[in-house]
Amino acid sequence: MDRKTTKKAIHIILMILIVVVIVSGLGITYYRSIEYITGGLLDKTLSFQLHTLLFLPFLLVLLVHLFFSWLWPKKRSR
């Protein structure tokens, strides 16, 4: 896997994790609304479990994303 493909995969994974963490966080706070929107699929208990379990993977992918941005910055065109 080359650098560009790896960076793109990390970006996509991070975006998916951000969306799931936000939705699960809203599912903890506004559980009735999120349960209605998801058709009962995401209740308060499942939201809390998802939010708790995704903390370390989210942090790891975020750190990898930051490390790649620091290691291989975008090249400026002149």
N, C-alpha and C. Protein backbone atom coordinates (compact mmCIF):
# COMPACT_ATOMS: atom_id res chain seq x y z
N MET A 1 0.83 -1.17 0.00
CA MET A 1 0.00 0.00 0.00
C MET A 1 0.89 1.24 0.00
N ASP A 2 0.61 2.15 -0.90
CA ASP A 2 1.43 3.36 -0.94
C ASP A 2 0.90 4.40 0.04
N ARG A 3 1.63 5.48 0.13
CA ARG A 3 1.33 6.53 1.11
C ARG A 3 -0.04 7.16 0.89
N LYS A 4 -0.37 7.45 -0.35
CA LYS A 4 -1.64 8.12 -0.66
C LYS A 4 -2.83 7.24 -0.30
N THR A 5 -2.75 5.97 -0.61
CA THR A 5 -3.83 5.04 -0.29
C THR A 5 -3.98 4.87 1.22
N THR A 6 -2.87 4.79 1.92
CA THR A 6 -2.91 4.65 3.37
C THR A 6 -3.53 5.88 4.02
N LYS A 7 -3.12 7.06 3.58
CA LYS A 7 -3.69 8.29 4.14
C LYS A 7 -5.18 8.38 3.86
N LYS A 8 -5.61 8.01 2.67
CA LYS A 8 -7.02 8.05 2.32
C LYS A 8 -7.82 7.06 3.17
N ALA A 9 -7.28 5.87 3.39
CA ALA A 9 -7.97 4.87 4.22
C ALA A 9 -8.11 5.37 5.66
N ILE A 10 -7.07 5.99 6.18
CA ILE A 10 -7.12 6.54 7.55
C ILE A 10 -8.16 7.65 7.62
N HIS A 11 -8.23 8.50 6.62
CA HIS A 11 -9.22 9.58 6.60
C HIS A 11 -10.64 9.03 6.60
N ILE A 12 -10.89 8.02 5.78
CA ILE A 12 -12.23 7.44 5.69
C ILE A 12 -12.61 6.76 7.00
N ILE A 13 -11.70 6.00 7.58
CA ILE A 13 -11.97 5.33 8.85
C ILE A 13 -12.23 6.35 9.94
N LEU A 14 -11.44 7.42 9.97
CA LEU A 14 -11.64 8.46 10.98
C LEU A 14 -13.00 9.15 10.81
N MET A 15 -13.41 9.43 9.60
CA MET A 15 -14.71 10.06 9.37
C MET A 15 -15.85 9.15 9.83
N ILE A 16 -15.75 7.86 9.55
CA ILE A 16 -16.78 6.92 10.00
C ILE A 16 -16.83 6.87 11.52
N LEU A 17 -15.67 6.81 12.15
CA LEU A 17 -15.63 6.78 13.62
C LEU A 17 -16.18 8.06 14.22
N ILE A 18 -15.89 9.21 13.62
CA ILE A 18 -16.42 10.48 14.13
C ILE A 18 -17.94 10.47 14.08
N VAL A 19 -18.51 10.03 12.97
CA VAL A 19 -19.96 10.00 12.84
C VAL A 19 -20.58 9.06 13.87
N VAL A 20 -20.01 7.87 14.03
CA VAL A 20 -20.56 6.91 14.98
C VAL A 20 -20.43 7.40 16.42
N VAL A 21 -19.31 8.02 16.76
CA VAL A 21 -19.13 8.55 18.12
C VAL A 21 -20.12 9.68 18.39
N ILE A 22 -20.34 10.56 17.42
CA ILE A 22 -21.30 11.65 17.61
C ILE A 22 -22.71 11.11 17.75
N VAL A 23 -23.10 10.19 16.88
CA VAL A 23 -24.45 9.63 16.94
C VAL A 23 -24.65 8.85 18.24
N SER A 24 -23.65 8.09 18.67
CA SER A 24 -23.80 7.35 19.92
C SER A 24 -23.83 8.29 21.12
N GLY A 25 -23.09 9.38 21.05
CA GLY A 25 -23.15 10.38 22.12
C GLY A 25 -24.51 11.04 22.19
N LEU A 26 -25.07 11.35 21.03
CA LEU A 26 -26.43 11.89 21.00
C LEU A 26 -27.44 10.85 21.47
N GLY A 27 -27.15 9.59 21.19
CA GLY A 27 -28.02 8.50 21.65
C GLY A 27 -28.04 8.35 23.16
N ILE A 28 -26.98 8.79 23.81
CA ILE A 28 -26.95 8.77 25.28
C ILE A 28 -27.75 9.95 25.82
N THR A 29 -27.56 11.10 25.24
CA THR A 29 -28.19 12.32 25.75
C THR A 29 -29.65 12.44 25.30
N TYR A 30 -29.88 12.31 24.01
CA TYR A 30 -31.23 12.44 23.45
C TYR A 30 -31.71 11.07 22.98
N TYR A 31 -31.80 10.13 23.89
CA TYR A 31 -32.04 8.74 23.52
C TYR A 31 -33.41 8.53 22.89
N ARG A 32 -34.41 9.26 23.28
CA ARG A 32 -35.74 9.07 22.68
C ARG A 32 -35.74 9.50 21.21
N SER A 33 -35.10 10.60 20.91
CA SER A 33 -35.05 11.08 19.52
C SER A 33 -34.24 10.14 18.63
N ILE A 34 -33.07 9.74 19.11
CA ILE A 34 -32.21 8.84 18.32
C ILE A 34 -32.85 7.48 18.16
N GLU A 35 -33.52 7.00 19.19
CA GLU A 35 -34.21 5.71 19.09
C GLU A 35 -35.32 5.79 18.06
N TYR A 36 -36.03 6.91 18.01
CA TYR A 36 -37.09 7.10 17.01
C TYR A 36 -36.50 7.19 15.60
N ILE A 37 -35.42 7.96 15.45
CA ILE A 37 -34.79 8.14 14.13
C ILE A 37 -34.23 6.83 13.59
N THR A 38 -33.62 6.02 14.48
CA THR A 38 -33.02 4.75 14.03
C THR A 38 -34.02 3.60 14.04
N GLY A 39 -35.26 3.89 14.34
CA GLY A 39 -36.27 2.83 14.33
C GLY A 39 -36.12 1.85 15.48
N GLY A 40 -35.61 2.30 16.61
CA GLY A 40 -35.44 1.43 17.76
C GLY A 40 -34.16 0.63 17.75
N LEU A 41 -33.35 0.82 16.73
CA LEU A 41 -32.10 0.07 16.61
C LEU A 41 -31.06 0.52 17.63
N LEU A 42 -31.00 1.81 17.89
CA LEU A 42 -29.98 2.37 18.77
C LEU A 42 -30.65 2.95 20.02
N ASP A 43 -30.71 2.15 21.07
CA ASP A 43 -31.29 2.63 22.31
C ASP A 43 -30.20 3.20 23.22
N LYS A 44 -30.58 3.63 24.41
CA LYS A 44 -29.63 4.30 25.30
C LYS A 44 -28.51 3.36 25.74
N THR A 45 -28.84 2.11 26.04
CA THR A 45 -27.83 1.15 26.49
C THR A 45 -26.81 0.85 25.40
N LEU A 46 -27.30 0.58 24.20
CA LEU A 46 -26.40 0.29 23.08
C LEU A 46 -25.56 1.52 22.73
N SER A 47 -26.15 2.70 22.80
CA SER A 47 -25.40 3.93 22.54
C SER A 47 -24.26 4.09 23.53
N PHE A 48 -24.53 3.83 24.79
CA PHE A 48 -23.49 3.95 25.81
C PHE A 48 -22.38 2.93 25.59
N GLN A 49 -22.75 1.69 25.25
CA GLN A 49 -21.76 0.65 24.99
C GLN A 49 -20.89 1.01 23.78
N LEU A 50 -21.53 1.47 22.70
CA LEU A 50 -20.77 1.88 21.51
C LEU A 50 -19.83 3.03 21.82
N HIS A 51 -20.35 4.02 22.52
CA HIS A 51 -19.56 5.19 22.85
C HIS A 51 -18.35 4.81 23.71
N THR A 52 -18.53 3.90 24.63
CA THR A 52 -17.45 3.45 25.49
C THR A 52 -16.44 2.60 24.73
N LEU A 53 -16.92 1.68 23.91
CA LEU A 53 -16.02 0.78 23.19
C LEU A 53 -15.23 1.48 22.08
N LEU A 54 -15.78 2.55 21.52
CA LEU A 54 -15.11 3.22 20.41
C LEU A 54 -14.12 4.28 20.84
N PHE A 55 -13.98 4.52 22.12
CA PHE A 55 -13.06 5.57 22.58
C PHE A 55 -11.62 5.27 22.19
N LEU A 56 -11.12 4.10 22.51
CA LEU A 56 -9.71 3.78 22.20
C LEU A 56 -9.44 3.65 20.69
N PRO A 57 -10.30 2.97 19.91
CA PRO A 57 -10.05 2.96 18.46
C PRO A 57 -10.09 4.35 17.85
N PHE A 58 -11.01 5.19 18.31
CA PHE A 58 -11.08 6.57 17.80
C PHE A 58 -9.80 7.32 18.13
N LEU A 59 -9.33 7.20 19.35
CA LEU A 59 -8.11 7.88 19.76
C LEU A 59 -6.91 7.37 18.97
N LEU A 60 -6.82 6.08 18.75
CA LEU A 60 -5.72 5.50 18.00
C LEU A 60 -5.71 5.98 16.55
N VAL A 61 -6.86 5.95 15.89
CA VAL A 61 -6.94 6.39 14.50
C VAL A 61 -6.67 7.89 14.40
N LEU A 62 -7.14 8.66 15.37
CA LEU A 62 -6.86 10.10 15.38
C LEU A 62 -5.36 10.37 15.50
N LEU A 63 -4.69 9.64 16.38
CA LEU A 63 -3.25 9.81 16.53
C LEU A 63 -2.49 9.40 15.28
N VAL A 64 -2.92 8.32 14.63
CA VAL A 64 -2.28 7.90 13.38
C VAL A 64 -2.50 8.97 12.31
N HIS A 65 -3.70 9.51 12.24
CA HIS A 65 -4.00 10.59 11.30
C HIS A 65 -3.09 11.80 11.54
N LEU A 66 -2.96 12.19 12.78
CA LEU A 66 -2.09 13.33 13.10
C LEU A 66 -0.63 13.02 12.81
N PHE A 67 -0.20 11.79 13.09
CA PHE A 67 1.18 11.39 12.83
C PHE A 67 1.48 11.43 11.33
N PHE A 68 0.55 10.91 10.52
CA PHE A 68 0.76 10.94 9.07
C PHE A 68 0.79 12.36 8.55
N SER A 69 -0.05 13.23 9.08
CA SER A 69 -0.05 14.62 8.64
C SER A 69 1.25 15.32 9.03
N TRP A 70 1.79 14.94 10.16
CA TRP A 70 3.05 15.53 10.61
C TRP A 70 4.23 14.95 9.83
N LEU A 71 4.18 13.64 9.55
CA LEU A 71 5.28 12.97 8.88
C LEU A 71 5.34 13.32 7.39
N TRP A 72 4.18 13.34 6.75
CA TRP A 72 4.11 13.62 5.32
C TRP A 72 3.16 14.80 5.07
N PRO A 73 3.63 16.02 5.29
CA PRO A 73 2.74 17.18 5.06
C PRO A 73 2.47 17.36 3.57
N LYS A 74 1.40 18.09 3.28
CA LYS A 74 1.08 18.38 1.88
C LYS A 74 2.17 19.25 1.29
N LYS A 75 2.51 18.97 0.04
CA LYS A 75 3.54 19.74 -0.63
C LYS A 75 2.92 21.00 -1.20
N ARG A 76 3.57 22.11 -0.98
CA ARG A 76 3.10 23.38 -1.48
C ARG A 76 3.52 23.54 -2.93
N SER A 77 2.59 23.97 -3.76
CA SER A 77 2.95 24.22 -5.16
C SER A 77 3.22 25.70 -5.34
N ARG A 78 4.21 25.98 -6.17
CA ARG A 78 4.60 27.38 -6.39
C ARG A 78 4.28 27.80 -7.78
